[in-house]
Amino acid sequence: MSEQNRGLIFLYTGSGKGKTTAAIGLCFRALGHGSKSCIIQFVKGKENTGEVLALEYVKGQIDIIPMGQGLIRNNPTPTDIEMANKALEKAKELIFNSDYEIIVLDEINIALKKELIDINLVSKLINKKPINKHIVLTGRYAPSQLFDLCDTVTIFEEKKHHFKKGCIARKTIEF
């Protein structure tokens, strides 16, 4: 396979909004070219977020698998750790044994920051991925160890946010 066709690793991190949205945008672009994608959510649970609801329309082409419990507190529970490790196993399965071209590991950086999963296992997974797969890692707090493993690193930086004016999270914009 030529370098031009090699699967890439993308890292979307930082304090700004839009990391998951950007990853889903890549999936939609790929859909336009007939490629399948899957989004594994390491933290988000089974709540009906806008992305989960919207992706129902393209199920089978872009799939989303929420595998978390939602917000993870400062002291993760054994269940948080178990669920994050199951999400990592699911990611491994899909990276090596599926016809998805893009696999998004949504909020994996949060799982790493909270020490729910081992950075060495994630690094190994990235280093051994099949040559034709694209992997997107999202979430705040990406460990610097991932920067060297990725082909593209984008840091989303918040300059101004409506929450600071007292706006609450609302459907269609935040969830």
N, C-alpha and C. Protein backbone atom coordinates (compact mmCIF):
# COMPACT_ATOMS: atom_id res chain seq x y z
N MET A 1 0.86 -1.18 0.00
CA MET A 1 0.00 0.00 0.00
C MET A 1 0.90 1.24 0.00
N SER A 2 0.56 2.18 -0.82
CA SER A 2 1.37 3.40 -0.91
C SER A 2 1.16 4.27 0.32
N GLU A 3 2.12 5.14 0.56
CA GLU A 3 2.02 6.08 1.68
C GLU A 3 0.76 6.93 1.56
N GLN A 4 0.37 7.22 0.31
CA GLN A 4 -0.82 8.04 0.06
C GLN A 4 -2.10 7.36 0.56
N ASN A 5 -2.12 6.04 0.58
CA ASN A 5 -3.31 5.29 1.00
C ASN A 5 -3.23 4.75 2.42
N ARG A 6 -2.16 5.03 3.13
CA ARG A 6 -1.97 4.54 4.49
C ARG A 6 -2.99 5.18 5.44
N GLY A 7 -3.56 4.38 6.30
CA GLY A 7 -4.47 4.90 7.31
C GLY A 7 -3.74 5.83 8.27
N LEU A 8 -4.42 6.87 8.70
CA LEU A 8 -3.82 7.90 9.54
C LEU A 8 -4.39 7.85 10.96
N ILE A 9 -3.63 8.46 11.87
CA ILE A 9 -4.06 8.59 13.25
C ILE A 9 -4.27 10.08 13.52
N PHE A 10 -5.48 10.43 13.98
CA PHE A 10 -5.82 11.81 14.30
C PHE A 10 -6.02 11.92 15.80
N LEU A 11 -5.57 13.03 16.38
CA LEU A 11 -5.77 13.31 17.78
C LEU A 11 -6.44 14.67 17.89
N TYR A 12 -7.64 14.69 18.47
CA TYR A 12 -8.37 15.93 18.72
C TYR A 12 -8.46 16.11 20.22
N THR A 13 -7.81 17.14 20.74
CA THR A 13 -7.76 17.35 22.17
C THR A 13 -7.85 18.84 22.48
N GLY A 14 -7.83 19.18 23.75
CA GLY A 14 -7.87 20.57 24.18
C GLY A 14 -9.15 20.88 24.93
N SER A 15 -9.21 22.10 25.46
CA SER A 15 -10.33 22.51 26.30
C SER A 15 -11.52 23.03 25.50
N GLY A 16 -11.34 23.27 24.21
CA GLY A 16 -12.43 23.82 23.40
C GLY A 16 -13.45 22.78 22.98
N LYS A 17 -14.61 23.28 22.60
CA LYS A 17 -15.70 22.42 22.13
C LYS A 17 -15.44 22.00 20.69
N GLY A 18 -16.00 20.85 20.28
CA GLY A 18 -16.01 20.45 18.88
C GLY A 18 -15.18 19.24 18.51
N LYS A 19 -14.56 18.60 19.47
CA LYS A 19 -13.69 17.46 19.17
C LYS A 19 -14.49 16.28 18.61
N THR A 20 -15.55 15.91 19.31
CA THR A 20 -16.40 14.81 18.82
C THR A 20 -17.08 15.20 17.52
N THR A 21 -17.53 16.44 17.44
CA THR A 21 -18.19 16.91 16.22
C THR A 21 -17.25 16.83 15.03
N ALA A 22 -16.00 17.20 15.21
CA ALA A 22 -15.02 17.12 14.12
C ALA A 22 -14.79 15.66 13.70
N ALA A 23 -14.72 14.77 14.68
CA ALA A 23 -14.52 13.35 14.38
C ALA A 23 -15.72 12.80 13.60
N ILE A 24 -16.92 13.17 14.00
CA ILE A 24 -18.12 12.72 13.29
C ILE A 24 -18.13 13.31 11.87
N GLY A 25 -17.65 14.53 11.74
CA GLY A 25 -17.53 15.14 10.41
C GLY A 25 -16.65 14.32 9.48
N LEU A 26 -15.54 13.80 9.99
CA LEU A 26 -14.70 12.92 9.18
C LEU A 26 -15.47 11.68 8.74
N CYS A 27 -16.26 11.14 9.66
CA CYS A 27 -17.06 9.96 9.34
C CYS A 27 -18.06 10.25 8.23
N PHE A 28 -18.70 11.42 8.29
CA PHE A 28 -19.66 11.80 7.24
C PHE A 28 -18.96 12.02 5.91
N ARG A 29 -17.79 12.60 5.93
CA ARG A 29 -17.02 12.78 4.69
C ARG A 29 -16.71 11.40 4.09
N ALA A 30 -16.29 10.47 4.92
CA ALA A 30 -15.99 9.12 4.44
C ALA A 30 -17.24 8.44 3.90
N LEU A 31 -18.37 8.65 4.55
CA LEU A 31 -19.64 8.10 4.09
C LEU A 31 -19.94 8.55 2.66
N GLY A 32 -19.64 9.80 2.36
CA GLY A 32 -19.85 10.32 1.02
C GLY A 32 -19.04 9.59 -0.03
N HIS A 33 -17.97 8.92 0.39
CA HIS A 33 -17.13 8.14 -0.52
C HIS A 33 -17.35 6.64 -0.37
N GLY A 34 -18.42 6.27 0.34
CA GLY A 34 -18.78 4.86 0.46
C GLY A 34 -18.06 4.09 1.55
N SER A 35 -17.37 4.78 2.45
CA SER A 35 -16.65 4.10 3.53
C SER A 35 -17.48 4.06 4.80
N LYS A 36 -17.27 3.01 5.59
CA LYS A 36 -17.97 2.83 6.86
C LYS A 36 -17.10 3.29 8.02
N SER A 37 -17.77 3.80 9.06
CA SER A 37 -17.09 4.28 10.26
C SER A 37 -17.81 3.80 11.50
N CYS A 38 -17.07 3.77 12.61
CA CYS A 38 -17.68 3.43 13.89
C CYS A 38 -17.10 4.34 14.97
N ILE A 39 -17.95 4.78 15.86
CA ILE A 39 -17.57 5.64 16.96
C ILE A 39 -17.81 4.87 18.25
N ILE A 40 -16.75 4.63 18.99
CA ILE A 40 -16.85 3.97 20.29
C ILE A 40 -16.71 5.06 21.34
N GLN A 41 -17.73 5.23 22.16
CA GLN A 41 -17.72 6.27 23.18
C GLN A 41 -17.27 5.69 24.51
N PHE A 42 -16.09 6.13 24.97
CA PHE A 42 -15.48 5.61 26.18
C PHE A 42 -16.12 6.13 27.45
N VAL A 43 -16.70 7.32 27.41
CA VAL A 43 -17.26 7.93 28.61
C VAL A 43 -18.77 8.07 28.50
N LYS A 44 -19.24 8.53 27.38
CA LYS A 44 -20.66 8.81 27.21
C LYS A 44 -21.47 7.52 27.32
N GLY A 45 -22.63 7.64 27.95
CA GLY A 45 -23.50 6.50 28.15
C GLY A 45 -24.56 6.40 27.08
N LYS A 46 -25.62 5.75 27.39
CA LYS A 46 -26.67 5.45 26.41
C LYS A 46 -27.74 6.53 26.31
N GLU A 47 -27.47 7.72 26.84
CA GLU A 47 -28.46 8.79 26.73
C GLU A 47 -28.62 9.21 25.28
N ASN A 48 -29.77 9.75 24.98
CA ASN A 48 -30.08 10.13 23.60
C ASN A 48 -29.50 11.49 23.26
N THR A 49 -28.19 11.52 23.05
CA THR A 49 -27.54 12.76 22.61
C THR A 49 -27.87 12.98 21.14
N GLY A 50 -27.65 14.20 20.69
CA GLY A 50 -27.92 14.53 19.28
C GLY A 50 -27.17 13.64 18.33
N GLU A 51 -25.91 13.33 18.65
CA GLU A 51 -25.14 12.48 17.73
C GLU A 51 -25.69 11.06 17.66
N VAL A 52 -26.12 10.52 18.80
CA VAL A 52 -26.69 9.17 18.80
C VAL A 52 -27.98 9.16 17.97
N LEU A 53 -28.83 10.15 18.18
CA LEU A 53 -30.09 10.22 17.44
C LEU A 53 -29.86 10.41 15.94
N ALA A 54 -28.96 11.30 15.57
CA ALA A 54 -28.70 11.58 14.16
C ALA A 54 -28.09 10.38 13.45
N LEU A 55 -27.20 9.68 14.13
CA LEU A 55 -26.53 8.56 13.48
C LEU A 55 -27.44 7.36 13.25
N GLU A 56 -28.61 7.36 13.88
CA GLU A 56 -29.61 6.32 13.58
C GLU A 56 -29.99 6.34 12.10
N TYR A 57 -29.94 7.51 11.47
CA TYR A 57 -30.31 7.65 10.06
C TYR A 57 -29.30 7.00 9.12
N VAL A 58 -28.09 6.79 9.60
CA VAL A 58 -27.05 6.20 8.74
C VAL A 58 -26.48 4.93 9.37
N LYS A 59 -27.28 4.31 10.24
CA LYS A 59 -26.85 3.08 10.91
C LYS A 59 -26.40 2.04 9.89
N GLY A 60 -25.30 1.39 10.19
CA GLY A 60 -24.71 0.43 9.26
C GLY A 60 -23.63 1.06 8.40
N GLN A 61 -23.67 2.37 8.27
CA GLN A 61 -22.63 3.11 7.54
C GLN A 61 -21.74 3.87 8.52
N ILE A 62 -22.37 4.50 9.49
CA ILE A 62 -21.67 5.12 10.62
C ILE A 62 -22.38 4.61 11.87
N ASP A 63 -21.70 3.79 12.62
CA ASP A 63 -22.29 3.23 13.84
C ASP A 63 -21.68 3.91 15.06
N ILE A 64 -22.47 3.99 16.11
CA ILE A 64 -22.01 4.59 17.36
C ILE A 64 -22.32 3.61 18.48
N ILE A 65 -21.32 3.40 19.34
CA ILE A 65 -21.45 2.43 20.43
C ILE A 65 -21.10 3.13 21.75
N PRO A 66 -22.12 3.64 22.47
CA PRO A 66 -21.84 4.23 23.78
C PRO A 66 -21.51 3.14 24.79
N MET A 67 -20.34 3.24 25.44
CA MET A 67 -19.91 2.18 26.35
C MET A 67 -19.55 2.69 27.73
N GLY A 68 -19.88 3.95 28.03
CA GLY A 68 -19.56 4.51 29.34
C GLY A 68 -20.80 4.68 30.18
N GLN A 69 -20.61 5.34 31.32
CA GLN A 69 -21.72 5.63 32.23
C GLN A 69 -22.04 7.11 32.28
N GLY A 70 -21.35 7.88 31.47
CA GLY A 70 -21.53 9.32 31.53
C GLY A 70 -20.39 9.93 32.30
N LEU A 71 -20.67 10.97 33.04
CA LEU A 71 -19.66 11.71 33.77
C LEU A 71 -18.87 10.81 34.71
N ILE A 72 -17.55 10.95 34.67
CA ILE A 72 -16.68 10.19 35.58
C ILE A 72 -16.18 11.15 36.65
N ARG A 73 -16.43 10.81 37.87
CA ARG A 73 -16.02 11.64 39.00
C ARG A 73 -14.50 11.55 39.21
N ASN A 74 -13.99 12.28 40.18
CA ASN A 74 -12.55 12.25 40.48
C ASN A 74 -12.07 10.88 40.90
N ASN A 75 -12.94 10.12 41.55
CA ASN A 75 -12.58 8.77 41.97
C ASN A 75 -13.41 7.78 41.16
N PRO A 76 -12.85 7.31 40.03
CA PRO A 76 -13.59 6.37 39.20
C PRO A 76 -13.96 5.10 39.98
N THR A 77 -15.10 4.55 39.63
CA THR A 77 -15.56 3.31 40.27
C THR A 77 -14.97 2.11 39.53
N PRO A 78 -14.98 0.96 40.16
CA PRO A 78 -14.56 -0.25 39.46
C PRO A 78 -15.38 -0.48 38.18
N THR A 79 -16.63 -0.08 38.20
CA THR A 79 -17.47 -0.22 37.00
C THR A 79 -16.96 0.69 35.88
N ASP A 80 -16.54 1.91 36.22
CA ASP A 80 -15.97 2.81 35.22
C ASP A 80 -14.75 2.16 34.55
N ILE A 81 -13.89 1.58 35.37
CA ILE A 81 -12.67 0.94 34.86
C ILE A 81 -13.04 -0.26 33.97
N GLU A 82 -13.96 -1.07 34.44
CA GLU A 82 -14.39 -2.24 33.68
C GLU A 82 -14.98 -1.83 32.32
N MET A 83 -15.84 -0.82 32.33
CA MET A 83 -16.49 -0.39 31.09
C MET A 83 -15.48 0.20 30.11
N ALA A 84 -14.52 0.98 30.60
CA ALA A 84 -13.50 1.56 29.72
C ALA A 84 -12.64 0.47 29.11
N ASN A 85 -12.31 -0.55 29.88
CA ASN A 85 -11.51 -1.65 29.33
C ASN A 85 -12.31 -2.48 28.32
N LYS A 86 -13.61 -2.61 28.55
CA LYS A 86 -14.46 -3.27 27.55
C LYS A 86 -14.52 -2.44 26.27
N ALA A 87 -14.56 -1.13 26.42
CA ALA A 87 -14.55 -0.25 25.23
C ALA A 87 -13.23 -0.41 24.47
N LEU A 88 -12.13 -0.51 25.18
CA LEU A 88 -10.83 -0.70 24.53
C LEU A 88 -10.78 -2.05 23.81
N GLU A 89 -11.33 -3.08 24.41
CA GLU A 89 -11.40 -4.40 23.75
C GLU A 89 -12.27 -4.33 22.50
N LYS A 90 -13.38 -3.62 22.58
CA LYS A 90 -14.26 -3.43 21.42
C LYS A 90 -13.52 -2.69 20.31
N ALA A 91 -12.76 -1.67 20.69
CA ALA A 91 -11.97 -0.91 19.72
C ALA A 91 -10.98 -1.84 19.02
N LYS A 92 -10.30 -2.65 19.79
CA LYS A 92 -9.33 -3.59 19.23
C LYS A 92 -10.01 -4.54 18.25
N GLU A 93 -11.14 -5.07 18.66
CA GLU A 93 -11.90 -5.98 17.80
C GLU A 93 -12.27 -5.31 16.47
N LEU A 94 -12.77 -4.09 16.53
CA LEU A 94 -13.20 -3.40 15.31
C LEU A 94 -12.03 -2.96 14.45
N ILE A 95 -10.94 -2.57 15.09
CA ILE A 95 -9.77 -2.15 14.32
C ILE A 95 -9.20 -3.32 13.54
N PHE A 96 -9.18 -4.50 14.13
CA PHE A 96 -8.55 -5.65 13.48
C PHE A 96 -9.52 -6.57 12.73
N ASN A 97 -10.82 -6.50 13.05
CA ASN A 97 -11.74 -7.49 12.48
C ASN A 97 -13.04 -6.88 11.99
N SER A 98 -12.97 -5.77 11.30
CA SER A 98 -14.20 -5.18 10.78
C SER A 98 -13.92 -4.51 9.45
N ASP A 99 -15.01 -4.13 8.79
CA ASP A 99 -14.85 -3.42 7.52
C ASP A 99 -14.99 -1.91 7.70
N TYR A 100 -14.92 -1.44 8.94
CA TYR A 100 -14.90 0.00 9.18
C TYR A 100 -13.55 0.56 8.74
N GLU A 101 -13.58 1.64 8.00
CA GLU A 101 -12.33 2.30 7.60
C GLU A 101 -11.86 3.30 8.65
N ILE A 102 -12.83 3.95 9.32
CA ILE A 102 -12.51 4.91 10.38
C ILE A 102 -13.10 4.40 11.68
N ILE A 103 -12.27 4.39 12.72
CA ILE A 103 -12.74 4.05 14.05
C ILE A 103 -12.40 5.23 14.95
N VAL A 104 -13.44 5.82 15.54
CA VAL A 104 -13.28 6.96 16.44
C VAL A 104 -13.31 6.43 17.87
N LEU A 105 -12.30 6.76 18.63
CA LEU A 105 -12.24 6.40 20.04
C LEU A 105 -12.57 7.68 20.82
N ASP A 106 -13.87 7.90 20.95
CA ASP A 106 -14.39 9.15 21.49
C ASP A 106 -14.18 9.23 23.00
N GLU A 107 -13.56 10.30 23.44
CA GLU A 107 -13.27 10.57 24.86
C GLU A 107 -12.28 9.58 25.46
N ILE A 108 -11.48 8.93 24.61
CA ILE A 108 -10.47 8.01 25.14
C ILE A 108 -9.44 8.75 25.98
N ASN A 109 -9.20 10.02 25.65
CA ASN A 109 -8.22 10.79 26.43
C ASN A 109 -8.69 11.01 27.87
N ILE A 110 -9.99 11.14 28.06
CA ILE A 110 -10.54 11.24 29.42
C ILE A 110 -10.30 9.94 30.18
N ALA A 111 -10.55 8.82 29.49
CA ALA A 111 -10.33 7.50 30.12
C ALA A 111 -8.86 7.33 30.49
N LEU A 112 -7.96 7.85 29.66
CA LEU A 112 -6.54 7.77 29.98
C LEU A 112 -6.19 8.68 31.16
N LYS A 113 -6.70 9.89 31.15
CA LYS A 113 -6.43 10.85 32.23
C LYS A 113 -6.90 10.31 33.58
N LYS A 114 -8.06 9.67 33.58
CA LYS A 114 -8.63 9.12 34.82
C LYS A 114 -8.03 7.76 35.17
N GLU A 115 -7.07 7.30 34.35
CA GLU A 115 -6.39 6.01 34.54
C GLU A 115 -7.34 4.83 34.54
N LEU A 116 -8.36 4.91 33.69
CA LEU A 116 -9.29 3.79 33.52
C LEU A 116 -8.68 2.73 32.63
N ILE A 117 -7.84 3.16 31.71
CA ILE A 117 -7.16 2.25 30.79
C ILE A 117 -5.68 2.61 30.76
N ASP A 118 -4.88 1.67 30.31
CA ASP A 118 -3.43 1.80 30.31
C ASP A 118 -2.95 2.45 29.01
N ILE A 119 -2.18 3.52 29.12
CA ILE A 119 -1.64 4.21 27.96
C ILE A 119 -0.79 3.27 27.10
N ASN A 120 -0.11 2.32 27.71
CA ASN A 120 0.73 1.39 26.95
C ASN A 120 -0.11 0.49 26.05
N LEU A 121 -1.28 0.09 26.52
CA LEU A 121 -2.18 -0.72 25.69
C LEU A 121 -2.70 0.09 24.51
N VAL A 122 -3.01 1.35 24.74
CA VAL A 122 -3.50 2.22 23.67
C VAL A 122 -2.39 2.45 22.65
N SER A 123 -1.18 2.72 23.12
CA SER A 123 -0.03 2.93 22.22
C SER A 123 0.22 1.70 21.37
N LYS A 124 0.17 0.54 22.00
CA LYS A 124 0.39 -0.72 21.28
C LYS A 124 -0.68 -0.92 20.20
N LEU A 125 -1.92 -0.62 20.54
CA LEU A 125 -3.03 -0.74 19.59
C LEU A 125 -2.80 0.17 18.39
N ILE A 126 -2.40 1.40 18.65
CA ILE A 126 -2.14 2.35 17.56
C ILE A 126 -0.98 1.87 16.69
N ASN A 127 0.08 1.42 17.32
CA ASN A 127 1.27 0.99 16.57
C ASN A 127 1.04 -0.26 15.73
N LYS A 128 0.08 -1.09 16.12
CA LYS A 128 -0.15 -2.35 15.41
C LYS A 128 -1.39 -2.33 14.52
N LYS A 129 -2.03 -1.19 14.40
CA LYS A 129 -3.25 -1.12 13.59
C LYS A 129 -2.97 -1.55 12.16
N PRO A 130 -3.97 -2.12 11.49
CA PRO A 130 -3.81 -2.44 10.07
C PRO A 130 -3.51 -1.17 9.28
N ILE A 131 -2.74 -1.31 8.24
CA ILE A 131 -2.27 -0.16 7.48
C ILE A 131 -3.39 0.65 6.83
N ASN A 132 -4.54 0.03 6.59
CA ASN A 132 -5.63 0.72 5.88
C ASN A 132 -6.64 1.39 6.80
N LYS A 133 -6.47 1.32 8.11
CA LYS A 133 -7.44 1.89 9.05
C LYS A 133 -7.03 3.29 9.49
N HIS A 134 -8.03 4.15 9.62
CA HIS A 134 -7.85 5.48 10.21
C HIS A 134 -8.40 5.41 11.63
N ILE A 135 -7.68 5.99 12.58
CA ILE A 135 -8.14 6.03 13.96
C ILE A 135 -8.17 7.48 14.41
N VAL A 136 -9.26 7.86 15.09
CA VAL A 136 -9.40 9.20 15.63
C VAL A 136 -9.55 9.09 17.14
N LEU A 137 -8.69 9.78 17.87
CA LEU A 137 -8.72 9.79 19.33
C LEU A 137 -9.22 11.17 19.76
N THR A 138 -10.25 11.22 20.60
CA THR A 138 -10.77 12.52 21.02
C THR A 138 -10.76 12.64 22.54
N GLY A 139 -10.93 13.86 22.99
CA GLY A 139 -11.08 14.15 24.40
C GLY A 139 -10.01 15.08 24.93
N ARG A 140 -10.38 15.80 25.97
CA ARG A 140 -9.43 16.67 26.66
C ARG A 140 -8.32 15.83 27.27
N TYR A 141 -7.27 16.50 27.64
CA TYR A 141 -6.18 15.91 28.43
C TYR A 141 -5.39 14.80 27.73
N ALA A 142 -5.24 14.89 26.43
CA ALA A 142 -4.46 13.86 25.74
C ALA A 142 -3.05 13.80 26.32
N PRO A 143 -2.59 12.61 26.66
CA PRO A 143 -1.22 12.50 27.17
C PRO A 143 -0.22 12.79 26.05
N SER A 144 0.87 13.46 26.41
CA SER A 144 1.87 13.84 25.40
C SER A 144 2.44 12.63 24.69
N GLN A 145 2.41 11.48 25.32
CA GLN A 145 2.90 10.24 24.70
C GLN A 145 2.17 9.94 23.39
N LEU A 146 0.91 10.36 23.28
CA LEU A 146 0.15 10.10 22.06
C LEU A 146 0.55 11.02 20.91
N PHE A 147 1.07 12.21 21.22
CA PHE A 147 1.36 13.19 20.17
C PHE A 147 2.30 12.62 19.12
N ASP A 148 3.34 11.92 19.53
CA ASP A 148 4.31 11.37 18.58
C ASP A 148 3.75 10.23 17.75
N LEU A 149 2.73 9.55 18.25
CA LEU A 149 2.15 8.42 17.54
C LEU A 149 1.16 8.84 16.47
N CYS A 150 0.72 10.09 16.53
CA CYS A 150 -0.35 10.56 15.64
C CYS A 150 0.21 11.31 14.44
N ASP A 151 -0.52 11.19 13.33
CA ASP A 151 -0.14 11.90 12.11
C ASP A 151 -0.63 13.34 12.15
N THR A 152 -1.78 13.56 12.77
CA THR A 152 -2.37 14.89 12.88
C THR A 152 -2.80 15.11 14.32
N VAL A 153 -2.36 16.21 14.90
CA VAL A 153 -2.76 16.59 16.25
C VAL A 153 -3.41 17.96 16.15
N THR A 154 -4.66 18.05 16.57
CA THR A 154 -5.38 19.32 16.59
C THR A 154 -5.79 19.61 18.02
N ILE A 155 -5.41 20.80 18.48
CA ILE A 155 -5.74 21.21 19.84
C ILE A 155 -6.84 22.27 19.76
N PHE A 156 -7.99 21.92 20.30
CA PHE A 156 -9.15 22.81 20.33
C PHE A 156 -9.00 23.71 21.56
N GLU A 157 -8.93 25.00 21.33
CA GLU A 157 -8.71 25.94 22.41
C GLU A 157 -9.93 26.83 22.58
N GLU A 158 -10.39 26.91 23.82
CA GLU A 158 -11.52 27.79 24.11
C GLU A 158 -11.03 29.21 24.30
N LYS A 159 -11.60 30.13 23.55
CA LYS A 159 -11.30 31.56 23.70
C LYS A 159 -12.44 32.27 24.41
N LYS A 160 -13.65 31.79 24.16
CA LYS A 160 -14.84 32.40 24.74
C LYS A 160 -15.92 31.31 24.74
N HIS A 161 -16.73 31.26 25.76
CA HIS A 161 -17.78 30.24 25.82
C HIS A 161 -19.03 30.81 26.45
N HIS A 162 -20.18 30.51 25.85
CA HIS A 162 -21.45 31.03 26.33
C HIS A 162 -21.82 30.53 27.73
N PHE A 163 -21.27 29.41 28.19
CA PHE A 163 -21.54 28.94 29.55
C PHE A 163 -21.10 29.98 30.57
N LYS A 164 -20.04 30.70 30.26
CA LYS A 164 -19.50 31.69 31.20
C LYS A 164 -20.41 32.91 31.33
N LYS A 165 -21.38 33.02 30.44
CA LYS A 165 -22.38 34.09 30.53
C LYS A 165 -23.64 33.60 31.24
N GLY A 166 -23.61 32.35 31.72
CA GLY A 166 -24.76 31.81 32.42
C GLY A 166 -25.68 30.96 31.57
N CYS A 167 -25.35 30.78 30.29
CA CYS A 167 -26.17 29.91 29.44
C CYS A 167 -26.03 28.47 29.91
N ILE A 168 -27.12 27.75 29.87
CA ILE A 168 -27.08 26.34 30.26
C ILE A 168 -26.92 25.48 29.00
N ALA A 169 -26.50 24.23 29.20
CA ALA A 169 -26.39 23.28 28.09
C ALA A 169 -27.77 23.05 27.52
N ARG A 170 -27.85 23.01 26.19
CA ARG A 170 -29.17 22.82 25.57
C ARG A 170 -29.08 21.88 24.38
N LYS A 171 -30.26 21.27 24.14
CA LYS A 171 -30.37 20.35 23.01
C LYS A 171 -30.00 21.10 21.72
N THR A 172 -29.52 20.38 20.79
CA THR A 172 -29.07 20.81 19.46
C THR A 172 -27.70 21.44 19.46
N ILE A 173 -27.24 21.97 20.59
CA ILE A 173 -25.93 22.62 20.63
C ILE A 173 -24.93 21.80 21.45
N GLU A 174 -25.27 21.46 22.70
CA GLU A 174 -24.34 20.74 23.57
C GLU A 174 -24.58 19.25 23.68
N PHE A 175 -25.79 18.81 23.48
CA PHE A 175 -26.06 17.36 23.61
C PHE A 175 -27.15 16.93 22.67
